[in-house]
PDB file of all heavy atoms in Angstrom:
ATOM      1  N   GLU A   1       0.855  -1.185   0.000  1.00  0.00           N
ATOM      2  CA  GLU A   1       0.000   0.000   0.000  1.00  0.00           C
ATOM      3  C   GLU A   1       0.893   1.238   0.000  1.00  0.00           C
ATOM      4  O   GLU A   1       1.007   1.960   0.989  1.00  0.00           O
ATOM      5  CB  GLU A   1      -0.957  -0.025   1.192  1.00  0.00           C
ATOM      6  CG  GLU A   1      -1.915  -1.207   1.153  1.00  0.00           C
ATOM      7  CD  GLU A   1      -3.127  -1.019   2.037  1.00  0.00           C
ATOM      8  OE1 GLU A   1      -3.587   0.126   2.199  1.00  0.00           O
ATOM      9  OE2 GLU A   1      -3.619  -2.032   2.575  1.00  0.00           O
ATOM     10  N   VAL A   2       1.539   1.441  -1.143  1.00  0.00           N
ATOM     11  CA  VAL A   2       2.498   2.534  -1.310  1.00  0.00           C
ATOM     12  C   VAL A   2       2.202   3.259  -2.614  1.00  0.00           C
ATOM     13  O   VAL A   2       1.467   2.774  -3.475  1.00  0.00           O
ATOM     14  CB  VAL A   2       3.948   2.001  -1.323  1.00  0.00           C
ATOM     15  CG1 VAL A   2       4.294   1.347   0.005  1.00  0.00           C
ATOM     16  CG2 VAL A   2       4.158   1.021  -2.468  1.00  0.00           C
ATOM     17  N   GLU A   3       2.811   4.423  -2.760  1.00  0.00           N
ATOM     18  CA  GLU A   3       2.543   5.259  -3.934  1.00  0.00           C
ATOM     19  C   GLU A   3       2.992   4.599  -5.229  1.00  0.00           C
ATOM     20  O   GLU A   3       2.330   4.705  -6.264  1.00  0.00           O
ATOM     21  CB  GLU A   3       3.242   6.617  -3.767  1.00  0.00           C
ATOM     22  CG  GLU A   3       2.911   7.608  -4.882  1.00  0.00           C
ATOM     23  CD  GLU A   3       3.534   8.970  -4.647  1.00  0.00           C
ATOM     24  OE1 GLU A   3       4.369   9.100  -3.720  1.00  0.00           O
ATOM     25  OE2 GLU A   3       3.189   9.906  -5.387  1.00  0.00           O
ATOM     26  N   SER A   4       4.128   3.892  -5.193  1.00  0.00           N
ATOM     27  CA  SER A   4       4.671   3.252  -6.410  1.00  0.00           C
ATOM     28  C   SER A   4       4.899   1.770  -6.154  1.00  0.00           C
ATOM     29  O   SER A   4       6.047   1.308  -6.020  1.00  0.00           O
ATOM     30  CB  SER A   4       5.979   3.935  -6.827  1.00  0.00           C
ATOM     31  OG  SER A   4       5.783   5.313  -7.050  1.00  0.00           O
ATOM     32  N   PRO A   5       3.822   0.973  -6.112  1.00  0.00           N
ATOM     33  CA  PRO A   5       3.981  -0.449  -5.767  1.00  0.00           C
ATOM     34  C   PRO A   5       4.793  -1.241  -6.781  1.00  0.00           C
ATOM     35  O   PRO A   5       5.504  -2.180  -6.403  1.00  0.00           O
ATOM     36  CB  PRO A   5       2.531  -0.947  -5.694  1.00  0.00           C
ATOM     37  CG  PRO A   5       1.742   0.009  -6.527  1.00  0.00           C
ATOM     38  CD  PRO A   5       2.418   1.329  -6.341  1.00  0.00           C
ATOM     39  N   TRP A   6       4.717  -0.877  -8.072  1.00  0.00           N
ATOM     40  CA  TRP A   6       5.450  -1.648  -9.080  1.00  0.00           C
ATOM     41  C   TRP A   6       6.949  -1.394  -9.004  1.00  0.00           C
ATOM     42  O   TRP A   6       7.748  -2.209  -9.465  1.00  0.00           O
ATOM     43  CB  TRP A   6       4.916  -1.344 -10.481  1.00  0.00           C
ATOM     44  CG  TRP A   6       3.580  -1.990 -10.710  1.00  0.00           C
ATOM     45  CD1 TRP A   6       2.356  -1.400 -10.647  1.00  0.00           C
ATOM     46  CD2 TRP A   6       3.342  -3.372 -10.991  1.00  0.00           C
ATOM     47  NE1 TRP A   6       1.360  -2.330 -10.882  1.00  0.00           N
ATOM     48  CE2 TRP A   6       1.927  -3.540 -11.096  1.00  0.00           C
ATOM     49  CE3 TRP A   6       4.151  -4.478 -11.166  1.00  0.00           C
ATOM     50  CZ2 TRP A   6       1.338  -4.776 -11.364  1.00  0.00           C
ATOM     51  CZ3 TRP A   6       3.570  -5.717 -11.444  1.00  0.00           C
ATOM     52  CH2 TRP A   6       2.187  -5.848 -11.538  1.00  0.00           C
ATOM     53  N   GLU A   7       7.342  -0.280  -8.428  1.00  0.00           N
ATOM     54  CA  GLU A   7       8.769  -0.048  -8.183  1.00  0.00           C
ATOM     55  C   GLU A   7       9.233  -0.860  -6.974  1.00  0.00           C
ATOM     56  O   GLU A   7      10.288  -1.493  -7.004  1.00  0.00           O
ATOM     57  CB  GLU A   7       9.031   1.442  -7.951  1.00  0.00           C
ATOM     58  CG  GLU A   7       8.849   2.312  -9.173  1.00  0.00           C
ATOM     59  CD  GLU A   7       9.165   3.765  -8.892  1.00  0.00           C
ATOM     60  OE1 GLU A   7       9.773   4.059  -7.840  1.00  0.00           O
ATOM     61  OE2 GLU A   7       8.787   4.623  -9.716  1.00  0.00           O
ATOM     62  N   LEU A   8       8.420  -0.855  -5.924  1.00  0.00           N
ATOM     63  CA  LEU A   8       8.796  -1.583  -4.705  1.00  0.00           C
ATOM     64  C   LEU A   8       8.817  -3.089  -4.930  1.00  0.00           C
ATOM     65  O   LEU A   8       9.640  -3.805  -4.348  1.00  0.00           O
ATOM     66  CB  LEU A   8       7.832  -1.232  -3.567  1.00  0.00           C
ATOM     67  CG  LEU A   8       8.168  -1.822  -2.194  1.00  0.00           C
ATOM     68  CD1 LEU A   8       9.552  -1.381  -1.729  1.00  0.00           C
ATOM     69  CD2 LEU A   8       7.109  -1.431  -1.170  1.00  0.00           C
ATOM     70  N   VAL A   9       7.919  -3.593  -5.785  1.00  0.00           N
ATOM     71  CA  VAL A   9       7.845  -5.043  -5.979  1.00  0.00           C
ATOM     72  C   VAL A   9       9.148  -5.606  -6.552  1.00  0.00           C
ATOM     73  O   VAL A   9       9.443  -6.799  -6.381  1.00  0.00           O
ATOM     74  CB  VAL A   9       6.642  -5.407  -6.886  1.00  0.00           C
ATOM     75  CG1 VAL A   9       6.956  -5.166  -8.352  1.00  0.00           C
ATOM     76  CG2 VAL A   9       6.221  -6.867  -6.670  1.00  0.00           C
ATOM     77  N   GLU A  10       9.941  -4.766  -7.194  1.00  0.00           N
ATOM     78  CA  GLU A  10      11.235  -5.219  -7.722  1.00  0.00           C
ATOM     79  C   GLU A  10      12.197  -5.608  -6.599  1.00  0.00           C
ATOM     80  O   GLU A  10      13.163  -6.332  -6.825  1.00  0.00           O
ATOM     81  CB  GLU A  10      11.858  -4.121  -8.581  1.00  0.00           C
ATOM     82  CG  GLU A  10      11.106  -3.837  -9.868  1.00  0.00           C
ATOM     83  CD  GLU A  10      11.020  -5.063 -10.761  1.00  0.00           C
ATOM     84  OE1 GLU A  10      12.043  -5.764 -10.907  1.00  0.00           O
ATOM     85  OE2 GLU A  10       9.924  -5.331 -11.299  1.00  0.00           O
ATOM     86  N   HIS A  11      11.928  -5.124  -5.384  1.00  0.00           N
ATOM     87  CA  HIS A  11      12.776  -5.455  -4.230  1.00  0.00           C
ATOM     88  C   HIS A  11      12.262  -6.676  -3.462  1.00  0.00           C
ATOM     89  O   HIS A  11      12.894  -7.116  -2.500  1.00  0.00           O
ATOM     90  CB  HIS A  11      12.842  -4.256  -3.270  1.00  0.00           C
ATOM     91  CG  HIS A  11      13.482  -3.044  -3.862  1.00  0.00           C
ATOM     92  ND1 HIS A  11      14.842  -2.842  -3.869  1.00  0.00           N
ATOM     93  CD2 HIS A  11      12.942  -1.963  -4.494  1.00  0.00           C
ATOM     94  CE1 HIS A  11      15.126  -1.694  -4.453  1.00  0.00           C
ATOM     95  NE2 HIS A  11      13.981  -1.136  -4.850  1.00  0.00           N
ATOM     96  N   ILE A  12      11.111  -7.214  -3.873  1.00  0.00           N
ATOM     97  CA  ILE A  12      10.507  -8.349  -3.168  1.00  0.00           C
ATOM     98  C   ILE A  12      10.941  -9.655  -3.816  1.00  0.00           C
ATOM     99  O   ILE A  12      10.771  -9.870  -5.020  1.00  0.00           O
ATOM    100  CB  ILE A  12       8.962  -8.240  -3.187  1.00  0.00           C
ATOM    101  CG1 ILE A  12       8.506  -6.942  -2.527  1.00  0.00           C
ATOM    102  CG2 ILE A  12       8.353  -9.455  -2.500  1.00  0.00           C
ATOM    103  CD1 ILE A  12       8.918  -6.784  -1.081  1.00  0.00           C
ATOM    104  N   ARG A  13      11.502 -10.550  -3.011  1.00  0.00           N
ATOM    105  CA  ARG A  13      11.950 -11.851  -3.504  1.00  0.00           C
ATOM    106  C   ARG A  13      11.093 -13.012  -3.000  1.00  0.00           C
ATOM    107  O   ARG A  13      11.020 -14.047  -3.663  1.00  0.00           O
ATOM    108  CB  ARG A  13      13.410 -12.096  -3.090  1.00  0.00           C
ATOM    109  CG  ARG A  13      14.388 -11.088  -3.640  1.00  0.00           C
ATOM    110  CD  ARG A  13      15.831 -11.516  -3.396  1.00  0.00           C
ATOM    111  NE  ARG A  13      16.092 -11.840  -1.990  1.00  0.00           N
ATOM    112  CZ  ARG A  13      16.349 -10.936  -1.050  1.00  0.00           C
ATOM    113  NH1 ARG A  13      16.354  -9.642  -1.347  1.00  0.00           N
ATOM    114  NH2 ARG A  13      16.594 -11.307   0.193  1.00  0.00           N
ATOM    115  N   HIS A  14      10.492 -12.851  -1.827  1.00  0.00           N
ATOM    116  CA  HIS A  14       9.781 -13.975  -1.222  1.00  0.00           C
ATOM    117  C   HIS A  14       8.394 -13.542  -0.735  1.00  0.00           C
ATOM    118  O   HIS A  14       8.286 -12.750   0.206  1.00  0.00           O
ATOM    119  CB  HIS A  14      10.570 -14.532  -0.034  1.00  0.00           C
ATOM    120  CG  HIS A  14      12.011 -14.771  -0.316  1.00  0.00           C
ATOM    121  ND1 HIS A  14      12.446 -15.569  -1.345  1.00  0.00           N
ATOM    122  CD2 HIS A  14      13.143 -14.299   0.292  1.00  0.00           C
ATOM    123  CE1 HIS A  14      13.765 -15.603  -1.357  1.00  0.00           C
ATOM    124  NE2 HIS A  14      14.209 -14.836  -0.371  1.00  0.00           N
ATOM    125  N   ALA A  15       7.352 -14.070  -1.355  1.00  0.00           N
ATOM    126  CA  ALA A  15       5.976 -13.823  -0.911  1.00  0.00           C
ATOM    127  C   ALA A  15       5.059 -14.788  -1.649  1.00  0.00           C
ATOM    128  O   ALA A  15       5.275 -15.084  -2.832  1.00  0.00           O
ATOM    129  CB  ALA A  15       5.550 -12.381  -1.183  1.00  0.00           C
ATOM    130  N   GLY A  16       4.040 -15.281  -0.939  1.00  0.00           N
ATOM    131  CA  GLY A  16       3.105 -16.202  -1.578  1.00  0.00           C
ATOM    132  C   GLY A  16       2.244 -15.523  -2.620  1.00  0.00           C
ATOM    133  O   GLY A  16       2.107 -15.991  -3.745  1.00  0.00           O
ATOM    134  N   ALA A  17       1.649 -14.384  -2.243  1.00  0.00           N
ATOM    135  CA  ALA A  17       0.854 -13.571  -3.163  1.00  0.00           C
ATOM    136  C   ALA A  17       1.115 -12.108  -2.835  1.00  0.00           C
ATOM    137  O   ALA A  17       1.219 -11.738  -1.665  1.00  0.00           O
ATOM    138  CB  ALA A  17      -0.631 -13.889  -3.037  1.00  0.00           C
ATOM    139  N   ILE A  18       1.217 -11.278  -3.865  1.00  0.00           N
ATOM    140  CA  ILE A  18       1.522  -9.862  -3.684  1.00  0.00           C
ATOM    141  C   ILE A  18       0.347  -9.034  -4.197  1.00  0.00           C
ATOM    142  O   ILE A  18      -0.086  -9.195  -5.338  1.00  0.00           O
ATOM    143  CB  ILE A  18       2.811  -9.479  -4.428  1.00  0.00           C
ATOM    144  CG1 ILE A  18       3.974 -10.370  -3.973  1.00  0.00           C
ATOM    145  CG2 ILE A  18       3.145  -8.007  -4.193  1.00  0.00           C
ATOM    146  CD1 ILE A  18       5.253 -10.188  -4.781  1.00  0.00           C
ATOM    147  N   PHE A  19      -0.153  -8.152  -3.351  1.00  0.00           N
ATOM    148  CA  PHE A  19      -1.300  -7.303  -3.673  1.00  0.00           C
ATOM    149  C   PHE A  19      -0.792  -5.870  -3.827  1.00  0.00           C
ATOM    150  O   PHE A  19      -0.303  -5.272  -2.870  1.00  0.00           O
ATOM    151  CB  PHE A  19      -2.349  -7.399  -2.567  1.00  0.00           C
ATOM    152  CG  PHE A  19      -2.831  -8.809  -2.341  1.00  0.00           C
ATOM    153  CD1 PHE A  19      -2.097  -9.697  -1.549  1.00  0.00           C
ATOM    154  CD2 PHE A  19      -4.001  -9.266  -2.918  1.00  0.00           C
ATOM    155  CE1 PHE A  19      -2.517 -11.001  -1.353  1.00  0.00           C
ATOM    156  CE2 PHE A  19      -4.440 -10.565  -2.727  1.00  0.00           C
ATOM    157  CZ  PHE A  19      -3.701 -11.438  -1.940  1.00  0.00           C
ATOM    158  N   LEU A  20      -0.920  -5.332  -5.018  1.00  0.00           N
ATOM    159  CA  LEU A  20      -0.292  -4.055  -5.325  1.00  0.00           C
ATOM    160  C   LEU A  20      -1.306  -2.909  -5.326  1.00  0.00           C
ATOM    161  O   LEU A  20      -2.337  -2.982  -5.999  1.00  0.00           O
ATOM    162  CB  LEU A  20       0.402  -4.120  -6.688  1.00  0.00           C
ATOM    163  CG  LEU A  20       1.589  -5.094  -6.754  1.00  0.00           C
ATOM    164  CD1 LEU A  20       1.182  -6.419  -7.355  1.00  0.00           C
ATOM    165  CD2 LEU A  20       2.742  -4.487  -7.537  1.00  0.00           C
ATOM    166  N   GLY A  21      -0.992  -1.859  -4.565  1.00  0.00           N
ATOM    167  CA  GLY A  21      -1.794  -0.652  -4.580  1.00  0.00           C
ATOM    168  C   GLY A  21      -2.839  -0.581  -3.494  1.00  0.00           C
ATOM    169  O   GLY A  21      -3.200  -1.581  -2.868  1.00  0.00           O
ATOM    170  N   ASN A  22      -3.355   0.620  -3.286  1.00  0.00           N
ATOM    171  CA  ASN A  22      -4.296   0.867  -2.203  1.00  0.00           C
ATOM    172  C   ASN A  22      -5.701   0.324  -2.464  1.00  0.00           C
ATOM    173  O   ASN A  22      -6.519   0.282  -1.536  1.00  0.00           O
ATOM    174  CB  ASN A  22      -4.367   2.375  -1.928  1.00  0.00           C
ATOM    175  CG  ASN A  22      -3.051   2.923  -1.394  1.00  0.00           C
ATOM    176  OD1 ASN A  22      -2.478   2.363  -0.474  1.00  0.00           O
ATOM    177  ND2 ASN A  22      -2.567   4.002  -1.977  1.00  0.00           N
ATOM    178  N   SER A  23      -6.000  -0.073  -3.677  1.00  0.00           N
ATOM    179  CA  SER A  23      -7.340  -0.601  -3.992  1.00  0.00           C
ATOM    180  C   SER A  23      -7.348  -2.115  -4.131  1.00  0.00           C
ATOM    181  O   SER A  23      -8.274  -2.687  -4.714  1.00  0.00           O
ATOM    182  CB  SER A  23      -7.856   0.051  -5.283  1.00  0.00           C
ATOM    183  OG  SER A  23      -8.018   1.424  -5.128  1.00  0.00           O
ATOM    184  N   THR A  24      -6.307  -2.781  -3.602  1.00  0.00           N
ATOM    185  CA  THR A  24      -6.198  -4.238  -3.749  1.00  0.00           C
ATOM    186  C   THR A  24      -6.034  -4.901  -2.393  1.00  0.00           C
ATOM    187  O   THR A  24      -4.942  -5.357  -2.028  1.00  0.00           O
ATOM    188  CB  THR A  24      -5.007  -4.604  -4.661  1.00  0.00           C
ATOM    189  OG1 THR A  24      -4.947  -3.722  -5.770  1.00  0.00           O
ATOM    190  CG2 THR A  24      -5.153  -6.039  -5.174  1.00  0.00           C
TER     191      THR A  24
END
């Protein structure tokens, strides 16, 4: 839940499911 989730997701290596943005 950040302003630029697609930028932050590049730093994520381990997660079962990733929900991007404030409306998800």
